[in-house]
Structures are given as structure tokens and as C-alpha cells.
Amino acid sequence: MYAEFVEHFQAAWAASDLDRHDALWTDDVELHQPVLGSLYGREACTKAFSRLFEMAPDLTVHVDGWSEKDGVLLISFTFHTRFGGSELSWPAVDAFRLDEEGRVVRRDSFWDPLPVLAHLLRHPSAWARALRARVIPRLQDREVARRPIVGG
């Protein structure tokens, strides 16, 4: 199940395809990550990913490796996009809890947003697209994760 999920994860990102991402989630999915904050439910996730792909339509990932322990799937990968006229890449690790059908119940994403924000600051030509996409949530929309995925 885990190897198959990793293949679907890579394919969804390779295509920058919102429908493929949506197919990975349960209806009551929880996604927790830097910048986008915490998202609850398929509808909220679909809206946020739609804004993300509006801002960076060519955003893809390369899976560097994965492992599973005690029902938690860890995927190490690198994001890639062109933003502000130049290449931007940064590493990330996602921790997943999957249901019996191999769909995401919860995902916690770990990556440092500072290199991405620094790149954005160095490329003012990208600011308008980022602002139009409204990728960064309002403070009142952000929630703290209810429970940690690892050890909880």
C-alpha cells in the first residue's frame, strides 16, 4: 500500500494536477504545513491547492526516498518551480497517516519557508502573482494542529 501511495503522490505532483491530489485525500483530511497553515476537509484543501497551483503552475516534486514505521509514511522530496524568472527548489518531508484504502487522513509537511520567502523577496516580478493567488492565509484562518502525527 505504501509503495503504491508514493507512486500516486509522485504522479500527482509531476502533473501539477489538482484532481490527482484530491483523489489522494479522504473527505475529512487534515493537512498541516508551513505557509498554508492547517487545512481541514477536502473542500478547504482543494481551494488551497488551487491557489498554490495558480501561483506556481509548474510546481513539481522529486521523491528522494520514503519509509514507513508504526503506520506513519514519511516521504522525503524536493519541490521544483520557476518563480520570478528563475529556478527555485527546496527540500521537504511529509508524514502521512493513511486509511485502509490508502488515502490520506492526515499529512504533516515539514520544510523551511525562509528560502522560499527570500527568493520571493529577491524577485519582485513574482509578487503580483503570489498576492493574486492568496496563498498565505489570513491569521484568523490558521489553526494549530490538534495532535502530532508522530507519537500521537
N, C-alpha and C. Protein backbone atom coordinates (compact mmCIF):
# COMPACT_ATOMS: atom_id res chain seq x y z
N MET A 1 0.83 -1.19 0.00
CA MET A 1 0.00 0.00 0.00
C MET A 1 0.87 1.26 0.00
N TYR A 2 1.95 1.28 0.80
CA TYR A 2 2.77 2.49 0.92
C TYR A 2 3.52 2.80 -0.38
N ALA A 3 4.10 1.78 -0.99
CA ALA A 3 4.82 2.00 -2.25
C ALA A 3 3.87 2.52 -3.32
N GLU A 4 2.66 1.99 -3.36
CA GLU A 4 1.66 2.45 -4.34
C GLU A 4 1.28 3.91 -4.07
N PHE A 5 1.13 4.27 -2.79
CA PHE A 5 0.80 5.65 -2.46
C PHE A 5 1.92 6.60 -2.91
N VAL A 6 3.18 6.20 -2.68
CA VAL A 6 4.31 7.05 -3.08
C VAL A 6 4.28 7.27 -4.59
N GLU A 7 3.95 6.25 -5.35
CA GLU A 7 3.83 6.40 -6.81
C GLU A 7 2.73 7.39 -7.18
N HIS A 8 1.58 7.29 -6.51
CA HIS A 8 0.47 8.22 -6.78
C HIS A 8 0.84 9.65 -6.37
N PHE A 9 1.52 9.79 -5.24
CA PHE A 9 1.98 11.08 -4.75
C PHE A 9 2.89 11.73 -5.79
N GLN A 10 3.88 10.98 -6.27
CA GLN A 10 4.82 11.50 -7.28
C GLN A 10 4.07 11.87 -8.56
N ALA A 11 3.14 11.03 -9.00
CA ALA A 11 2.39 11.31 -10.23
C ALA A 11 1.52 12.56 -10.11
N ALA A 12 0.90 12.74 -8.95
CA ALA A 12 0.05 13.93 -8.74
C ALA A 12 0.89 15.20 -8.83
N TRP A 13 2.06 15.19 -8.21
CA TRP A 13 2.92 16.36 -8.26
C TRP A 13 3.57 16.54 -9.63
N ALA A 14 3.91 15.45 -10.30
CA ALA A 14 4.53 15.55 -11.63
C ALA A 14 3.60 16.23 -12.61
N ALA A 15 2.31 15.99 -12.46
CA ALA A 15 1.31 16.56 -13.37
C ALA A 15 0.79 17.91 -12.90
N SER A 16 1.16 18.34 -11.67
CA SER A 16 0.56 19.55 -11.07
C SER A 16 -0.95 19.51 -11.26
N ASP A 17 -1.53 18.35 -10.97
CA ASP A 17 -2.94 18.06 -11.26
C ASP A 17 -3.75 18.03 -9.97
N LEU A 18 -4.64 19.01 -9.82
CA LEU A 18 -5.45 19.12 -8.62
C LEU A 18 -6.35 17.89 -8.42
N ASP A 19 -6.90 17.34 -9.49
CA ASP A 19 -7.75 16.15 -9.37
C ASP A 19 -6.98 14.95 -8.83
N ARG A 20 -5.73 14.82 -9.24
CA ARG A 20 -4.91 13.70 -8.74
C ARG A 20 -4.60 13.88 -7.25
N HIS A 21 -4.38 15.11 -6.82
CA HIS A 21 -4.17 15.36 -5.38
C HIS A 21 -5.45 15.04 -4.62
N ASP A 22 -6.56 15.54 -5.12
CA ASP A 22 -7.86 15.32 -4.48
C ASP A 22 -8.15 13.83 -4.30
N ALA A 23 -7.77 13.02 -5.27
CA ALA A 23 -8.01 11.58 -5.20
C ALA A 23 -7.22 10.92 -4.08
N LEU A 24 -6.17 11.59 -3.59
CA LEU A 24 -5.35 11.02 -2.51
C LEU A 24 -5.96 11.25 -1.13
N TRP A 25 -6.94 12.15 -1.01
CA TRP A 25 -7.45 12.59 0.29
C TRP A 25 -8.77 11.93 0.66
N THR A 26 -8.98 11.73 1.97
CA THR A 26 -10.29 11.36 2.47
C THR A 26 -11.13 12.64 2.54
N ASP A 27 -12.44 12.50 2.74
CA ASP A 27 -13.31 13.68 2.84
C ASP A 27 -12.95 14.56 4.03
N ASP A 28 -12.52 13.94 5.13
CA ASP A 28 -12.20 14.70 6.34
C ASP A 28 -10.69 14.85 6.56
N VAL A 29 -9.94 14.92 5.47
CA VAL A 29 -8.49 15.02 5.51
C VAL A 29 -8.04 16.24 6.32
N GLU A 30 -6.88 16.09 6.98
CA GLU A 30 -6.21 17.21 7.65
C GLU A 30 -4.84 17.36 7.01
N LEU A 31 -4.52 18.58 6.57
CA LEU A 31 -3.20 18.88 6.05
C LEU A 31 -2.61 20.01 6.88
N HIS A 32 -1.41 19.80 7.37
CA HIS A 32 -0.73 20.81 8.19
C HIS A 32 0.63 21.09 7.56
N GLN A 33 0.90 22.38 7.29
CA GLN A 33 2.13 22.75 6.62
C GLN A 33 2.46 24.21 6.85
N PRO A 34 3.76 24.55 6.62
CA PRO A 34 4.13 25.96 6.68
C PRO A 34 3.40 26.74 5.59
N VAL A 35 3.25 27.98 5.76
CA VAL A 35 2.65 28.95 4.83
C VAL A 35 1.15 28.74 4.67
N LEU A 36 0.70 27.60 4.19
CA LEU A 36 -0.74 27.38 4.02
C LEU A 36 -1.44 27.15 5.35
N GLY A 37 -0.72 26.85 6.39
CA GLY A 37 -1.33 26.60 7.70
C GLY A 37 -2.00 25.25 7.74
N SER A 38 -2.98 25.11 8.62
CA SER A 38 -3.72 23.86 8.77
C SER A 38 -5.01 23.92 7.99
N LEU A 39 -5.27 22.85 7.25
CA LEU A 39 -6.47 22.76 6.43
C LEU A 39 -7.26 21.54 6.86
N TYR A 40 -8.57 21.69 6.95
CA TYR A 40 -9.44 20.61 7.40
C TYR A 40 -10.53 20.37 6.36
N GLY A 41 -10.58 19.15 5.84
CA GLY A 41 -11.62 18.77 4.88
C GLY A 41 -11.18 18.96 3.45
N ARG A 42 -11.74 18.13 2.60
CA ARG A 42 -11.38 18.11 1.17
C ARG A 42 -11.60 19.48 0.51
N GLU A 43 -12.71 20.14 0.81
CA GLU A 43 -13.01 21.42 0.17
C GLU A 43 -11.95 22.47 0.48
N ALA A 44 -11.55 22.58 1.74
CA ALA A 44 -10.52 23.56 2.12
C ALA A 44 -9.19 23.23 1.45
N CYS A 45 -8.87 21.95 1.38
CA CYS A 45 -7.61 21.53 0.75
C CYS A 45 -7.62 21.82 -0.74
N THR A 46 -8.74 21.55 -1.39
CA THR A 46 -8.86 21.81 -2.82
C THR A 46 -8.70 23.30 -3.12
N LYS A 47 -9.33 24.15 -2.31
CA LYS A 47 -9.20 25.60 -2.51
C LYS A 47 -7.76 26.06 -2.34
N ALA A 48 -7.09 25.56 -1.30
CA ALA A 48 -5.71 25.98 -1.02
C ALA A 48 -4.77 25.50 -2.13
N PHE A 49 -4.92 24.25 -2.57
CA PHE A 49 -4.06 23.74 -3.63
C PHE A 49 -4.34 24.45 -4.96
N SER A 50 -5.58 24.83 -5.18
CA SER A 50 -5.92 25.59 -6.38
C SER A 50 -5.16 26.92 -6.39
N ARG A 51 -5.14 27.59 -5.25
CA ARG A 51 -4.39 28.86 -5.14
C ARG A 51 -2.89 28.62 -5.31
N LEU A 52 -2.39 27.52 -4.74
CA LEU A 52 -0.98 27.19 -4.85
C LEU A 52 -0.58 26.99 -6.32
N PHE A 53 -1.39 26.23 -7.08
CA PHE A 53 -1.08 25.99 -8.48
C PHE A 53 -1.33 27.24 -9.34
N GLU A 54 -2.17 28.15 -8.88
CA GLU A 54 -2.33 29.43 -9.58
C GLU A 54 -1.04 30.24 -9.45
N MET A 55 -0.44 30.20 -8.26
CA MET A 55 0.79 30.94 -8.03
C MET A 55 1.98 30.28 -8.72
N ALA A 56 2.05 28.95 -8.67
CA ALA A 56 3.19 28.21 -9.22
C ALA A 56 2.67 27.04 -10.05
N PRO A 57 2.19 27.30 -11.27
CA PRO A 57 1.55 26.25 -12.07
C PRO A 57 2.47 25.10 -12.45
N ASP A 58 3.77 25.33 -12.41
CA ASP A 58 4.71 24.27 -12.77
C ASP A 58 5.34 23.60 -11.55
N LEU A 59 4.76 23.79 -10.37
CA LEU A 59 5.31 23.23 -9.14
C LEU A 59 5.25 21.70 -9.19
N THR A 60 6.41 21.08 -9.05
CA THR A 60 6.51 19.63 -9.05
C THR A 60 7.40 19.19 -7.89
N VAL A 61 7.45 17.89 -7.66
CA VAL A 61 8.36 17.35 -6.66
C VAL A 61 9.13 16.18 -7.25
N HIS A 62 10.29 15.97 -6.68
CA HIS A 62 11.07 14.76 -6.97
C HIS A 62 11.18 14.01 -5.64
N VAL A 63 10.68 12.78 -5.61
CA VAL A 63 10.77 11.98 -4.39
C VAL A 63 12.20 11.50 -4.23
N ASP A 64 12.79 11.83 -3.08
CA ASP A 64 14.16 11.43 -2.78
C ASP A 64 14.21 10.10 -2.05
N GLY A 65 13.15 9.75 -1.34
CA GLY A 65 13.10 8.49 -0.61
C GLY A 65 11.86 8.45 0.27
N TRP A 66 11.59 7.26 0.81
CA TRP A 66 10.44 7.12 1.71
C TRP A 66 10.67 5.95 2.65
N SER A 67 9.94 5.97 3.77
CA SER A 67 9.96 4.86 4.71
C SER A 67 8.66 4.88 5.49
N GLU A 68 8.38 3.75 6.14
CA GLU A 68 7.16 3.63 6.95
C GLU A 68 7.54 2.99 8.27
N LYS A 69 6.98 3.52 9.34
CA LYS A 69 7.18 2.94 10.66
C LYS A 69 5.95 3.21 11.50
N ASP A 70 5.44 2.16 12.10
CA ASP A 70 4.29 2.27 13.00
C ASP A 70 3.10 2.98 12.35
N GLY A 71 2.87 2.71 11.09
CA GLY A 71 1.72 3.28 10.40
C GLY A 71 1.89 4.71 9.92
N VAL A 72 3.09 5.27 10.06
CA VAL A 72 3.36 6.62 9.56
C VAL A 72 4.28 6.49 8.36
N LEU A 73 3.83 7.03 7.22
CA LEU A 73 4.62 7.05 5.99
C LEU A 73 5.36 8.37 5.91
N LEU A 74 6.67 8.32 5.76
CA LEU A 74 7.49 9.51 5.59
C LEU A 74 8.00 9.54 4.15
N ILE A 75 7.77 10.66 3.48
CA ILE A 75 8.28 10.85 2.13
C ILE A 75 9.19 12.08 2.14
N SER A 76 10.44 11.87 1.73
CA SER A 76 11.40 12.95 1.58
C SER A 76 11.42 13.33 0.10
N PHE A 77 11.31 14.62 -0.18
CA PHE A 77 11.25 15.06 -1.58
C PHE A 77 11.77 16.47 -1.71
N THR A 78 11.91 16.91 -2.96
CA THR A 78 12.36 18.27 -3.25
C THR A 78 11.34 18.93 -4.17
N PHE A 79 10.86 20.11 -3.78
CA PHE A 79 9.98 20.91 -4.63
C PHE A 79 10.82 21.59 -5.71
N HIS A 80 10.21 21.77 -6.90
CA HIS A 80 10.85 22.49 -8.00
C HIS A 80 9.80 23.36 -8.68
N THR A 81 10.20 24.61 -8.99
CA THR A 81 9.34 25.51 -9.76
C THR A 81 10.19 26.62 -10.35
N ARG A 82 9.63 27.35 -11.30
CA ARG A 82 10.22 28.60 -11.77
C ARG A 82 9.36 29.70 -11.17
N PHE A 83 10.00 30.60 -10.49
CA PHE A 83 9.26 31.67 -9.84
C PHE A 83 10.06 32.95 -9.96
N GLY A 84 9.41 34.00 -10.45
CA GLY A 84 10.09 35.27 -10.62
C GLY A 84 11.19 35.20 -11.67
N GLY A 85 11.05 34.30 -12.64
CA GLY A 85 12.01 34.21 -13.73
C GLY A 85 13.23 33.34 -13.45
N SER A 86 13.27 32.68 -12.29
CA SER A 86 14.41 31.81 -12.03
C SER A 86 13.96 30.54 -11.29
N GLU A 87 14.84 29.55 -11.31
CA GLU A 87 14.54 28.26 -10.67
C GLU A 87 14.53 28.40 -9.15
N LEU A 88 13.63 27.65 -8.55
CA LEU A 88 13.53 27.61 -7.09
C LEU A 88 13.29 26.16 -6.70
N SER A 89 14.13 25.65 -5.79
CA SER A 89 13.99 24.28 -5.27
C SER A 89 14.21 24.32 -3.77
N TRP A 90 13.49 23.44 -3.06
CA TRP A 90 13.70 23.33 -1.61
C TRP A 90 13.24 21.96 -1.14
N PRO A 91 13.93 21.44 -0.11
CA PRO A 91 13.62 20.10 0.39
C PRO A 91 12.44 20.11 1.36
N ALA A 92 11.78 18.96 1.47
CA ALA A 92 10.66 18.80 2.39
C ALA A 92 10.54 17.34 2.81
N VAL A 93 9.85 17.13 3.90
CA VAL A 93 9.47 15.79 4.35
C VAL A 93 8.01 15.86 4.75
N ASP A 94 7.22 14.92 4.24
CA ASP A 94 5.81 14.81 4.63
C ASP A 94 5.61 13.53 5.42
N ALA A 95 4.83 13.63 6.49
CA ALA A 95 4.44 12.47 7.30
C ALA A 95 2.96 12.24 7.08
N PHE A 96 2.59 11.02 6.70
CA PHE A 96 1.21 10.69 6.35
C PHE A 96 0.64 9.61 7.25
N ARG A 97 -0.63 9.74 7.56
CA ARG A 97 -1.46 8.65 8.08
C ARG A 97 -2.48 8.36 6.99
N LEU A 98 -2.55 7.09 6.58
CA LEU A 98 -3.45 6.68 5.52
C LEU A 98 -4.58 5.83 6.07
N ASP A 99 -5.73 5.84 5.39
CA ASP A 99 -6.82 4.94 5.78
C ASP A 99 -6.60 3.57 5.13
N GLU A 100 -7.52 2.66 5.32
CA GLU A 100 -7.38 1.30 4.81
C GLU A 100 -7.33 1.25 3.29
N GLU A 101 -7.88 2.28 2.63
CA GLU A 101 -7.89 2.34 1.17
C GLU A 101 -6.66 3.06 0.60
N GLY A 102 -5.76 3.48 1.49
CA GLY A 102 -4.55 4.15 1.04
C GLY A 102 -4.72 5.62 0.74
N ARG A 103 -5.75 6.25 1.32
CA ARG A 103 -5.96 7.69 1.13
C ARG A 103 -5.53 8.44 2.39
N VAL A 104 -5.16 9.70 2.22
CA VAL A 104 -4.61 10.50 3.30
C VAL A 104 -5.70 10.91 4.29
N VAL A 105 -5.50 10.54 5.54
CA VAL A 105 -6.33 11.01 6.65
C VAL A 105 -5.71 12.28 7.21
N ARG A 106 -4.37 12.26 7.30
CA ARG A 106 -3.64 13.41 7.83
C ARG A 106 -2.25 13.46 7.20
N ARG A 107 -1.83 14.69 6.88
CA ARG A 107 -0.48 14.92 6.40
C ARG A 107 0.12 16.10 7.16
N ASP A 108 1.32 15.90 7.66
CA ASP A 108 2.09 16.98 8.26
C ASP A 108 3.32 17.19 7.38
N SER A 109 3.49 18.40 6.89
CA SER A 109 4.59 18.72 5.99
C SER A 109 5.61 19.55 6.74
N PHE A 110 6.87 19.20 6.53
CA PHE A 110 7.96 19.88 7.21
C PHE A 110 8.94 20.41 6.17
N TRP A 111 9.04 21.73 6.10
CA TRP A 111 10.02 22.39 5.25
C TRP A 111 10.20 23.82 5.74
N ASP A 112 11.36 24.37 5.44
CA ASP A 112 11.72 25.71 5.88
C ASP A 112 11.22 26.73 4.86
N PRO A 113 10.26 27.58 5.23
CA PRO A 113 9.74 28.56 4.27
C PRO A 113 10.69 29.74 4.02
N LEU A 114 11.73 29.91 4.83
CA LEU A 114 12.59 31.09 4.67
C LEU A 114 13.29 31.17 3.31
N PRO A 115 13.85 30.08 2.76
CA PRO A 115 14.45 30.20 1.42
C PRO A 115 13.43 30.58 0.35
N VAL A 116 12.21 30.10 0.49
CA VAL A 116 11.16 30.43 -0.48
C VAL A 116 10.80 31.90 -0.36
N LEU A 117 10.62 32.38 0.86
CA LEU A 117 10.29 33.79 1.07
C LEU A 117 11.43 34.70 0.63
N ALA A 118 12.68 34.29 0.88
CA ALA A 118 13.84 35.07 0.44
C ALA A 118 13.88 35.16 -1.09
N HIS A 119 13.59 34.05 -1.75
CA HIS A 119 13.54 34.04 -3.22
C HIS A 119 12.45 35.00 -3.71
N LEU A 120 11.30 34.95 -3.07
CA LEU A 120 10.20 35.84 -3.44
C LEU A 120 10.61 37.30 -3.27
N LEU A 121 11.28 37.62 -2.17
CA LEU A 121 11.70 39.00 -1.93
C LEU A 121 12.72 39.47 -2.97
N ARG A 122 13.56 38.56 -3.45
CA ARG A 122 14.57 38.92 -4.46
C ARG A 122 13.98 39.05 -5.86
N HIS A 123 12.72 38.63 -6.04
CA HIS A 123 12.11 38.66 -7.36
C HIS A 123 10.76 39.37 -7.31
N PRO A 124 10.77 40.71 -7.25
CA PRO A 124 9.52 41.47 -7.16
C PRO A 124 8.54 41.21 -8.29
N SER A 125 9.03 40.75 -9.44
CA SER A 125 8.13 40.47 -10.56
C SER A 125 7.13 39.37 -10.22
N ALA A 126 7.42 38.56 -9.21
CA ALA A 126 6.53 37.46 -8.82
C ALA A 126 5.52 37.87 -7.75
N TRP A 127 5.68 39.03 -7.17
CA TRP A 127 4.83 39.43 -6.06
C TRP A 127 3.36 39.49 -6.46
N ALA A 128 3.06 40.05 -7.61
CA ALA A 128 1.65 40.20 -8.03
C ALA A 128 0.98 38.84 -8.13
N ARG A 129 1.66 37.86 -8.71
CA ARG A 129 1.08 36.52 -8.85
C ARG A 129 0.85 35.89 -7.48
N ALA A 130 1.78 36.06 -6.57
CA ALA A 130 1.64 35.50 -5.23
C ALA A 130 0.48 36.16 -4.48
N LEU A 131 0.35 37.46 -4.62
CA LEU A 131 -0.75 38.17 -3.95
C LEU A 131 -2.11 37.80 -4.54
N ARG A 132 -2.17 37.70 -5.87
CA ARG A 132 -3.43 37.31 -6.53
C ARG A 132 -3.88 35.92 -6.09
N ALA A 133 -2.93 35.01 -5.94
CA ALA A 133 -3.26 33.63 -5.58
C ALA A 133 -3.69 33.50 -4.11
N ARG A 134 -3.37 34.49 -3.29
CA ARG A 134 -3.73 34.47 -1.86
C ARG A 134 -3.30 33.17 -1.20
N VAL A 135 -2.05 32.78 -1.42
CA VAL A 135 -1.54 31.53 -0.87
C VAL A 135 -1.35 31.63 0.64
N ILE A 136 -0.87 32.77 1.11
CA ILE A 136 -0.64 32.93 2.55
C ILE A 136 -1.98 33.23 3.21
N PRO A 137 -2.41 32.37 4.15
CA PRO A 137 -3.73 32.56 4.76
C PRO A 137 -3.75 33.73 5.73
N ARG A 138 -4.94 34.24 5.94
CA ARG A 138 -5.12 35.27 6.95
C ARG A 138 -4.89 34.63 8.31
N LEU A 139 -4.45 35.42 9.28
CA LEU A 139 -4.16 34.86 10.61
C LEU A 139 -5.36 34.14 11.21
N GLN A 140 -6.56 34.67 11.03
CA GLN A 140 -7.73 34.04 11.63
C GLN A 140 -8.07 32.71 10.97
N ASP A 141 -7.51 32.44 9.76
CA ASP A 141 -7.75 31.17 9.08
C ASP A 141 -6.79 30.08 9.53
N ARG A 142 -5.72 30.46 10.19
CA ARG A 142 -4.70 29.48 10.60
C ARG A 142 -5.13 28.82 11.90
N GLU A 143 -4.92 27.54 11.95
CA GLU A 143 -5.19 26.78 13.17
C GLU A 143 -3.95 26.00 13.55
N VAL A 144 -3.77 25.79 14.82
CA VAL A 144 -2.68 24.95 15.30
C VAL A 144 -3.13 23.51 15.15
N ALA A 145 -2.21 22.66 14.74
CA ALA A 145 -2.53 21.23 14.60
C ALA A 145 -3.08 20.70 15.91
N ARG A 146 -4.13 19.89 15.81
CA ARG A 146 -4.79 19.36 17.00
C ARG A 146 -3.96 18.32 17.73
N ARG A 147 -3.23 17.50 16.99
CA ARG A 147 -2.42 16.47 17.63
C ARG A 147 -1.26 16.14 16.69
N PRO A 148 -0.12 15.80 17.24
CA PRO A 148 1.00 15.45 16.36
C PRO A 148 0.77 14.12 15.68
N ILE A 149 1.28 13.99 14.44
CA ILE A 149 1.10 12.74 13.70
C ILE A 149 2.03 11.66 14.24
N VAL A 150 3.23 12.05 14.65
CA VAL A 150 4.19 11.09 15.16
C VAL A 150 4.08 11.05 16.67
N GLY A 151 3.86 9.89 17.22
CA GLY A 151 3.76 9.73 18.67
C GLY A 151 2.43 10.15 19.24
N GLY A 152 1.40 10.37 18.40
CA GLY A 152 0.14 10.83 18.95
C GLY A 152 -1.04 10.12 18.50
